[in-house]
Amino acid sequence: MKRLYFMGGHKRAAAALLFGEQEDFQEEDYQKYQELEVVLHQDGRFSVWGNLTEDADLLRDTKPDKQGVIAKLLPLADEVLEEEE
């Protein structure tokens, strides 16, 4: 499993890639998070979390990457951690 972390300007770009196609997308909705975290499983599924100081919000439940968004996100990641599943 990989954890991708996006902060600052990369957080805005990641939010646009992940959620920009949604009709009600507003970049400002993601500013309250210190970072966005994408949890990528070995089978290609991923989830998205908005990390706060003491808590986290699940922004996208674990689903397959049918649109190939992970390949676009990888170069933007500020930090990548690998863990065993």
PDB file of N, CA and C in Angstrom:
ATOM      1  N   MET A   1       0.841  -1.158   0.000  1.00  0.00           N
ATOM      2  CA  MET A   1       0.000   0.000   0.000  1.00  0.00           C
ATOM      3  C   MET A   1       0.897   1.237   0.000  1.00  0.00           C
ATOM      4  N   LYS A   2       0.480   2.251  -0.739  1.00  0.00           N
ATOM      5  CA  LYS A   2       1.191   3.526  -0.757  1.00  0.00           C
ATOM      6  C   LYS A   2       0.281   4.601  -0.211  1.00  0.00           C
ATOM      7  N   ARG A   3       0.879   5.537   0.478  1.00  0.00           N
ATOM      8  CA  ARG A   3       0.166   6.719   0.952  1.00  0.00           C
ATOM      9  C   ARG A   3       0.824   7.928   0.286  1.00  0.00           C
ATOM     10  N   LEU A   4       0.024   8.677  -0.441  1.00  0.00           N
ATOM     11  CA  LEU A   4       0.501   9.875  -1.123  1.00  0.00           C
ATOM     12  C   LEU A   4      -0.033  11.085  -0.378  1.00  0.00           C
ATOM     13  N   TYR A   5       0.839  12.043  -0.072  1.00  0.00           N
ATOM     14  CA  TYR A   5       0.437  13.239   0.672  1.00  0.00           C
ATOM     15  C   TYR A   5       0.648  14.466  -0.205  1.00  0.00           C
ATOM     16  N   PHE A   6      -0.356  15.341  -0.186  1.00  0.00           N
ATOM     17  CA  PHE A   6      -0.334  16.559  -0.994  1.00  0.00           C
ATOM     18  C   PHE A   6      -0.577  17.750  -0.077  1.00  0.00           C
ATOM     19  N   MET A   7       0.315  18.749  -0.164  1.00  0.00           N
ATOM     20  CA  MET A   7       0.230  19.936   0.686  1.00  0.00           C
ATOM     21  C   MET A   7       0.362  21.192  -0.179  1.00  0.00           C
ATOM     22  N   GLY A   8      -0.004  22.331   0.370  1.00  0.00           N
ATOM     23  CA  GLY A   8       0.156  23.604  -0.327  1.00  0.00           C
ATOM     24  C   GLY A   8      -0.477  23.611  -1.707  1.00  0.00           C
ATOM     25  N   GLY A   9       0.273  24.097  -2.688  1.00  0.00           N
ATOM     26  CA  GLY A   9      -0.211  24.164  -4.063  1.00  0.00           C
ATOM     27  C   GLY A   9      -0.505  22.801  -4.656  1.00  0.00           C
ATOM     28  N   HIS A  10       0.233  21.803  -4.231  1.00  0.00           N
ATOM     29  CA  HIS A  10      -0.024  20.443  -4.711  1.00  0.00           C
ATOM     30  C   HIS A  10      -1.367  19.931  -4.210  1.00  0.00           C
ATOM     31  N   LYS A  11      -1.776  20.381  -3.022  1.00  0.00           N
ATOM     32  CA  LYS A  11      -3.083  19.993  -2.483  1.00  0.00           C
ATOM     33  C   LYS A  11      -4.192  20.515  -3.392  1.00  0.00           C
ATOM     34  N   ARG A  12      -4.073  21.752  -3.844  1.00  0.00           N
ATOM     35  CA  ARG A  12      -5.074  22.331  -4.747  1.00  0.00           C
ATOM     36  C   ARG A  12      -5.119  21.584  -6.071  1.00  0.00           C
ATOM     37  N   ALA A  13      -3.948  21.291  -6.619  1.00  0.00           N
ATOM     38  CA  ALA A  13      -3.884  20.575  -7.896  1.00  0.00           C
ATOM     39  C   ALA A  13      -4.447  19.161  -7.764  1.00  0.00           C
ATOM     40  N   ALA A  14      -4.138  18.500  -6.656  1.00  0.00           N
ATOM     41  CA  ALA A  14      -4.646  17.141  -6.433  1.00  0.00           C
ATOM     42  C   ALA A  14      -6.167  17.155  -6.281  1.00  0.00           C
ATOM     43  N   ALA A  15      -6.689  18.119  -5.543  1.00  0.00           N
ATOM     44  CA  ALA A  15      -8.141  18.224  -5.371  1.00  0.00           C
ATOM     45  C   ALA A  15      -8.822  18.423  -6.721  1.00  0.00           C
ATOM     46  N   ALA A  16      -8.243  19.248  -7.573  1.00  0.00           N
ATOM     47  CA  ALA A  16      -8.821  19.487  -8.903  1.00  0.00           C
ATOM     48  C   ALA A  16      -8.811  18.209  -9.741  1.00  0.00           C
ATOM     49  N   LEU A  17      -7.721  17.446  -9.677  1.00  0.00           N
ATOM     50  CA  LEU A  17      -7.656  16.185 -10.424  1.00  0.00           C
ATOM     51  C   LEU A  17      -8.640  15.148  -9.883  1.00  0.00           C
ATOM     52  N   LEU A  18      -8.767  15.102  -8.577  1.00  0.00           N
ATOM     53  CA  LEU A  18      -9.607  14.092  -7.949  1.00  0.00           C
ATOM     54  C   LEU A  18     -11.101  14.414  -8.010  1.00  0.00           C
ATOM     55  N   PHE A  19     -11.424  15.691  -7.858  1.00  0.00           N
ATOM     56  CA  PHE A  19     -12.830  16.059  -7.692  1.00  0.00           C
ATOM     57  C   PHE A  19     -13.324  17.110  -8.681  1.00  0.00           C
ATOM     58  N   GLY A  20     -12.469  17.596  -9.560  1.00  0.00           N
ATOM     59  CA  GLY A  20     -12.809  18.680 -10.460  1.00  0.00           C
ATOM     60  C   GLY A  20     -13.957  18.401 -11.406  1.00  0.00           C
ATOM     61  N   GLU A  21     -14.230  17.146 -11.683  1.00  0.00           N
ATOM     62  CA  GLU A  21     -15.326  16.801 -12.594  1.00  0.00           C
ATOM     63  C   GLU A  21     -16.685  16.837 -11.903  1.00  0.00           C
ATOM     64  N   GLN A  22     -16.693  16.943 -10.581  1.00  0.00           N
ATOM     65  CA  GLN A  22     -17.964  17.000  -9.862  1.00  0.00           C
ATOM     66  C   GLN A  22     -18.628  18.356 -10.110  1.00  0.00           C
ATOM     67  N   GLU A  23     -19.900  18.324 -10.298  1.00  0.00           N
ATOM     68  CA  GLU A  23     -20.660  19.529 -10.627  1.00  0.00           C
ATOM     69  C   GLU A  23     -20.516  20.622  -9.570  1.00  0.00           C
ATOM     70  N   ASP A  24     -20.457  20.236  -8.305  1.00  0.00           N
ATOM     71  CA  ASP A  24     -20.396  21.214  -7.210  1.00  0.00           C
ATOM     72  C   ASP A  24     -18.968  21.452  -6.701  1.00  0.00           C
ATOM     73  N   PHE A  25     -17.945  21.100  -7.478  1.00  0.00           N
ATOM     74  CA  PHE A  25     -16.550  21.257  -7.044  1.00  0.00           C
ATOM     75  C   PHE A  25     -16.215  22.728  -6.810  1.00  0.00           C
ATOM     76  N   GLN A  26     -15.631  23.007  -5.651  1.00  0.00           N
ATOM     77  CA  GLN A  26     -15.093  24.330  -5.332  1.00  0.00           C
ATOM     78  C   GLN A  26     -13.772  24.117  -4.617  1.00  0.00           C
ATOM     79  N   GLU A  27     -12.735  24.683  -5.168  1.00  0.00           N
ATOM     80  CA  GLU A  27     -11.389  24.508  -4.610  1.00  0.00           C
ATOM     81  C   GLU A  27     -11.327  24.908  -3.137  1.00  0.00           C
ATOM     82  N   GLU A  28     -12.084  25.906  -2.744  1.00  0.00           N
ATOM     83  CA  GLU A  28     -12.068  26.408  -1.371  1.00  0.00           C
ATOM     84  C   GLU A  28     -12.490  25.342  -0.349  1.00  0.00           C
ATOM     85  N   ASP A  29     -13.290  24.378  -0.777  1.00  0.00           N
ATOM     86  CA  ASP A  29     -13.753  23.326   0.133  1.00  0.00           C
ATOM     87  C   ASP A  29     -12.604  22.491   0.689  1.00  0.00           C
ATOM     88  N   TYR A  30     -11.467  22.494   0.039  1.00  0.00           N
ATOM     89  CA  TYR A  30     -10.339  21.645   0.430  1.00  0.00           C
ATOM     90  C   TYR A  30      -9.246  22.423   1.170  1.00  0.00           C
ATOM     91  N   GLN A  31      -9.416  23.728   1.302  1.00  0.00           N
ATOM     92  CA  GLN A  31      -8.416  24.553   1.968  1.00  0.00           C
ATOM     93  C   GLN A  31      -8.333  24.297   3.464  1.00  0.00           C
ATOM     94  N   LYS A  32      -9.416  23.816   4.077  1.00  0.00           N
ATOM     95  CA  LYS A  32      -9.415  23.583   5.523  1.00  0.00           C
ATOM     96  C   LYS A  32      -8.521  22.416   5.935  1.00  0.00           C
ATOM     97  N   TYR A  33      -8.154  21.574   4.984  1.00  0.00           N
ATOM     98  CA  TYR A  33      -7.322  20.412   5.294  1.00  0.00           C
ATOM     99  C   TYR A  33      -5.844  20.776   5.256  1.00  0.00           C
ATOM    100  N   GLN A  34      -5.101  20.255   6.210  1.00  0.00           N
ATOM    101  CA  GLN A  34      -3.653  20.464   6.218  1.00  0.00           C
ATOM    102  C   GLN A  34      -3.012  19.763   5.033  1.00  0.00           C
ATOM    103  N   GLU A  35      -3.586  18.626   4.676  1.00  0.00           N
ATOM    104  CA  GLU A  35      -3.082  17.849   3.544  1.00  0.00           C
ATOM    105  C   GLU A  35      -4.174  16.931   3.039  1.00  0.00           C
ATOM    106  N   LEU A  36      -4.041  16.532   1.785  1.00  0.00           N
ATOM    107  CA  LEU A  36      -4.868  15.468   1.235  1.00  0.00           C
ATOM    108  C   LEU A  36      -4.016  14.212   1.214  1.00  0.00           C
ATOM    109  N   GLU A  37      -4.607  13.103   1.602  1.00  0.00           N
ATOM    110  CA  GLU A  37      -3.906  11.823   1.630  1.00  0.00           C
ATOM    111  C   GLU A  37      -4.643  10.843   0.724  1.00  0.00           C
ATOM    112  N   VAL A  38      -3.923  10.258  -0.202  1.00  0.00           N
ATOM    113  CA  VAL A  38      -4.478   9.230  -1.077  1.00  0.00           C
ATOM    114  C   VAL A  38      -3.863   7.903  -0.657  1.00  0.00           C
ATOM    115  N   VAL A  39      -4.723   6.940  -0.322  1.00  0.00           N
ATOM    116  CA  VAL A  39      -4.264   5.611   0.075  1.00  0.00           C
ATOM    117  C   VAL A  39      -4.483   4.695  -1.125  1.00  0.00           C
ATOM    118  N   LEU A  40      -3.374   4.230  -1.701  1.00  0.00           N
ATOM    119  CA  LEU A  40      -3.401   3.407  -2.907  1.00  0.00           C
ATOM    120  C   LEU A  40      -3.084   1.957  -2.543  1.00  0.00           C
ATOM    121  N   HIS A  41      -4.025   1.078  -2.846  1.00  0.00           N
ATOM    122  CA  HIS A  41      -3.845  -0.352  -2.573  1.00  0.00           C
ATOM    123  C   HIS A  41      -3.184  -1.029  -3.769  1.00  0.00           C
ATOM    124  N   GLN A  42      -2.572  -2.177  -3.524  1.00  0.00           N
ATOM    125  CA  GLN A  42      -1.837  -2.879  -4.577  1.00  0.00           C
ATOM    126  C   GLN A  42      -2.730  -3.317  -5.734  1.00  0.00           C
ATOM    127  N   ASP A  43      -4.022  -3.485  -5.486  1.00  0.00           N
ATOM    128  CA  ASP A  43      -4.932  -3.907  -6.552  1.00  0.00           C
ATOM    129  C   ASP A  43      -5.463  -2.730  -7.381  1.00  0.00           C
ATOM    130  N   GLY A  44      -4.960  -1.523  -7.126  1.00  0.00           N
ATOM    131  CA  GLY A  44      -5.338  -0.352  -7.918  1.00  0.00           C
ATOM    132  C   GLY A  44      -6.461   0.478  -7.337  1.00  0.00           C
ATOM    133  N   ARG A  45      -7.081   0.015  -6.262  1.00  0.00           N
ATOM    134  CA  ARG A  45      -8.129   0.810  -5.623  1.00  0.00           C
ATOM    135  C   ARG A  45      -7.477   1.902  -4.776  1.00  0.00           C
ATOM    136  N   PHE A  46      -8.206   3.009  -4.593  1.00  0.00           N
ATOM    137  CA  PHE A  46      -7.681   4.047  -3.724  1.00  0.00           C
ATOM    138  C   PHE A  46      -8.804   4.800  -3.030  1.00  0.00           C
ATOM    139  N   SER A  47      -8.454   5.435  -1.914  1.00  0.00           N
ATOM    140  CA  SER A  47      -9.371   6.297  -1.173  1.00  0.00           C
ATOM    141  C   SER A  47      -8.671   7.633  -0.963  1.00  0.00           C
ATOM    142  N   VAL A  48      -9.454   8.648  -0.616  1.00  0.00           N
ATOM    143  CA  VAL A  48      -8.912   9.989  -0.402  1.00  0.00           C
ATOM    144  C   VAL A  48      -9.387  10.494   0.950  1.00  0.00           C
ATOM    145  N   TRP A  49      -8.446  11.030   1.713  1.00  0.00           N
ATOM    146  CA  TRP A  49      -8.717  11.572   3.039  1.00  0.00           C
ATOM    147  C   TRP A  49      -8.274  13.029   3.097  1.00  0.00           C
ATOM    148  N   GLY A  50      -9.048  13.849   3.782  1.00  0.00           N
ATOM    149  CA  GLY A  50      -8.661  15.217   4.086  1.00  0.00           C
ATOM    150  C   GLY A  50      -8.197  15.243   5.525  1.00  0.00           C
ATOM    151  N   ASN A  51      -6.909  15.462   5.748  1.00  0.00           N
ATOM    152  CA  ASN A  51      -6.348  15.394   7.097  1.00  0.00           C
ATOM    153  C   ASN A  51      -6.405  16.747   7.784  1.00  0.00           C
ATOM    154  N   LEU A  52      -6.967  16.728   8.989  1.00  0.00           N
ATOM    155  CA  LEU A  52      -7.035  17.892   9.864  1.00  0.00           C
ATOM    156  C   LEU A  52      -6.030  17.684  10.995  1.00  0.00           C
ATOM    157  N   THR A  53      -5.913  18.625  11.894  1.00  0.00           N
ATOM    158  CA  THR A  53      -4.951  18.511  12.996  1.00  0.00           C
ATOM    159  C   THR A  53      -5.201  17.281  13.850  1.00  0.00           C
ATOM    160  N   GLU A  54      -6.424  17.060  14.269  1.00  0.00           N
ATOM    161  CA  GLU A  54      -6.751  15.964  15.190  1.00  0.00           C
ATOM    162  C   GLU A  54      -7.617  14.880  14.565  1.00  0.00           C
ATOM    163  N   ASP A  55      -8.006  15.023  13.318  1.00  0.00           N
ATOM    164  CA  ASP A  55      -8.984  14.113  12.728  1.00  0.00           C
ATOM    165  C   ASP A  55      -8.763  14.055  11.223  1.00  0.00           C
ATOM    166  N   ALA A  56      -9.583  13.279  10.542  1.00  0.00           N
ATOM    167  CA  ALA A  56      -9.533  13.191   9.078  1.00  0.00           C
ATOM    168  C   ALA A  56     -10.938  12.937   8.557  1.00  0.00           C
ATOM    169  N   ASP A  57     -11.220  13.476   7.389  1.00  0.00           N
ATOM    170  CA  ASP A  57     -12.499  13.255   6.722  1.00  0.00           C
ATOM    171  C   ASP A  57     -12.281  12.350   5.523  1.00  0.00           C
ATOM    172  N   LEU A  58     -13.129  11.344   5.381  1.00  0.00           N
ATOM    173  CA  LEU A  58     -13.084  10.485   4.206  1.00  0.00           C
ATOM    174  C   LEU A  58     -13.765  11.236   3.066  1.00  0.00           C
ATOM    175  N   LEU A  59     -13.004  11.553   2.021  1.00  0.00           N
ATOM    176  CA  LEU A  59     -13.517  12.328   0.895  1.00  0.00           C
ATOM    177  C   LEU A  59     -13.902  11.448  -0.289  1.00  0.00           C
ATOM    178  N   ARG A  60     -13.297  10.266  -0.374  1.00  0.00           N
ATOM    179  CA  ARG A  60     -13.624   9.314  -1.443  1.00  0.00           C
ATOM    180  C   ARG A  60     -13.401   7.925  -0.892  1.00  0.00           C
ATOM    181  N   ASP A  61     -14.452   7.132  -0.893  1.00  0.00           N
ATOM    182  CA  ASP A  61     -14.354   5.766  -0.399  1.00  0.00           C
ATOM    183  C   ASP A  61     -13.462   4.950  -1.340  1.00  0.00           C
ATOM    184  N   THR A  62     -12.965   3.836  -0.885  1.00  0.00           N
ATOM    185  CA  THR A  62     -12.052   3.002  -1.656  1.00  0.00           C
ATOM    186  C   THR A  62     -12.752   2.417  -2.881  1.00  0.00           C
ATOM    187  N   LYS A  63     -12.259   2.808  -4.048  1.00  0.00           N
ATOM    188  CA  LYS A  63     -12.815   2.356  -5.324  1.00  0.00           C
ATOM    189  C   LYS A  63     -11.676   2.198  -6.330  1.00  0.00           C
ATOM    190  N   PRO A  64     -11.932   1.476  -7.415  1.00  0.00           N
ATOM    191  CA  PRO A  64     -10.896   1.317  -8.457  1.00  0.00           C
ATOM    192  C   PRO A  64     -10.581   2.641  -9.150  1.00  0.00           C
ATOM    193  N   ASP A  65      -9.389   2.725  -9.691  1.00  0.00           N
ATOM    194  CA  ASP A  65      -8.941   3.906 -10.441  1.00  0.00           C
ATOM    195  C   ASP A  65      -9.243   3.692 -11.924  1.00  0.00           C
ATOM    196  N   LYS A  66     -10.482   3.841 -12.302  1.00  0.00           N
ATOM    197  CA  LYS A  66     -10.895   3.587 -13.684  1.00  0.00           C
ATOM    198  C   LYS A  66     -10.487   4.693 -14.644  1.00  0.00           C
ATOM    199  N   GLN A  67     -10.201   5.896 -14.127  1.00  0.00           N
ATOM    200  CA  GLN A  67      -9.834   7.018 -14.991  1.00  0.00           C
ATOM    201  C   GLN A  67      -8.332   7.282 -15.029  1.00  0.00           C
ATOM    202  N   GLY A  68      -7.548   6.476 -14.349  1.00  0.00           N
ATOM    203  CA  GLY A  68      -6.098   6.629 -14.369  1.00  0.00           C
ATOM    204  C   GLY A  68      -5.599   7.893 -13.695  1.00  0.00           C
ATOM    205  N   VAL A  69      -6.298   8.333 -12.669  1.00  0.00           N
ATOM    206  CA  VAL A  69      -5.924   9.572 -11.985  1.00  0.00           C
ATOM    207  C   VAL A  69      -4.635   9.422 -11.169  1.00  0.00           C
ATOM    208  N   ILE A  70      -4.349   8.225 -10.683  1.00  0.00           N
ATOM    209  CA  ILE A  70      -3.144   8.024  -9.860  1.00  0.00           C
ATOM    210  C   ILE A  70      -1.880   8.352 -10.650  1.00  0.00           C
ATOM    211  N   ALA A  71      -1.819   7.982 -11.903  1.00  0.00           N
ATOM    212  CA  ALA A  71      -0.644   8.287 -12.729  1.00  0.00           C
ATOM    213  C   ALA A  71      -0.425   9.796 -12.836  1.00  0.00           C
ATOM    214  N   LYS A  72      -1.498  10.575 -12.835  1.00  0.00           N
ATOM    215  CA  LYS A  72      -1.391  12.034 -12.902  1.00  0.00           C
ATOM    216  C   LYS A  72      -1.027  12.623 -11.545  1.00  0.00           C
ATOM    217  N   LEU A  73      -1.438  11.952 -10.469  1.00  0.00           N
ATOM    218  CA  LEU A  73      -1.182  12.451  -9.118  1.00  0.00           C
ATOM    219  C   LEU A  73       0.238  12.191  -8.630  1.00  0.00           C
ATOM    220  N   LEU A  74       0.815  11.076  -9.005  1.00  0.00           N
ATOM    221  CA  LEU A  74       2.138  10.689  -8.479  1.00  0.00           C
ATOM    222  C   LEU A  74       3.194  11.788  -8.574  1.00  0.00           C
ATOM    223  N   PRO A  75       3.332  12.489  -9.703  1.00  0.00           N
ATOM    224  CA  PRO A  75       4.359  13.524  -9.773  1.00  0.00           C
ATOM    225  C   PRO A  75       4.098  14.719  -8.846  1.00  0.00           C
ATOM    226  N   LEU A  76       2.867  14.888  -8.381  1.00  0.00           N
ATOM    227  CA  LEU A  76       2.510  16.016  -7.523  1.00  0.00           C
ATOM    228  C   LEU A  76       2.694  15.728  -6.037  1.00  0.00           C
ATOM    229  N   ALA A  77       2.886  14.466  -5.674  1.00  0.00           N
ATOM    230  CA  ALA A  77       2.945  14.081  -4.255  1.00  0.00           C
ATOM    231  C   ALA A  77       4.142  14.721  -3.559  1.00  0.00           C
ATOM    232  N   ASP A  78       3.876  15.327  -2.412  1.00  0.00           N
ATOM    233  CA  ASP A  78       4.946  15.912  -1.596  1.00  0.00           C
ATOM    234  C   ASP A  78       5.671  14.842  -0.801  1.00  0.00           C
ATOM    235  N   GLU A  79       4.958  13.755  -0.513  1.00  0.00           N
ATOM    236  CA  GLU A  79       5.548  12.651   0.248  1.00  0.00           C
ATOM    237  C   GLU A  79       4.847  11.360  -0.163  1.00  0.00           C
ATOM    238  N   VAL A  80       5.627  10.284  -0.274  1.00  0.00           N
ATOM    239  CA  VAL A  80       5.074   8.965  -0.584  1.00  0.00           C
ATOM    240  C   VAL A  80       5.637   7.973   0.431  1.00  0.00           C
ATOM    241  N   LEU A  81       4.739   7.302   1.130  1.00  0.00           N
ATOM    242  CA  LEU A  81       5.143   6.274   2.087  1.00  0.00           C
ATOM    243  C   LEU A  81       4.621   4.926   1.599  1.00  0.00           C
ATOM    244  N   GLU A  82       5.443   3.897   1.718  1.00  0.00           N
ATOM    245  CA  GLU A  82       5.016   2.544   1.332  1.00  0.00           C
ATOM    246  C   GLU A  82       4.888   1.703   2.592  1.00  0.00           C
ATOM    247  N   GLU A  83       3.775   0.959   2.659  1.00  0.00           N
ATOM    248  CA  GLU A  83       3.498   0.087   3.795  1.00  0.00           C
ATOM    249  C   GLU A  83       3.044  -1.262   3.267  1.00  0.00           C
ATOM    250  N   GLU A  84       3.175  -2.267   4.095  1.00  0.00           N
ATOM    251  CA  GLU A  84       2.649  -3.590   3.721  1.00  0.00           C
ATOM    252  C   GLU A  84       1.168  -3.621   4.034  1.00  0.00           C
ATOM    253  N   GLU A  85       0.408  -4.335   3.200  1.00  0.00           N
ATOM    254  CA  GLU A  85      -1.037  -4.460   3.456  1.00  0.00           C
ATOM    255  C   GLU A  85      -1.302  -5.637   4.338  1.00  0.00           C
TER     256      GLU A  85
END
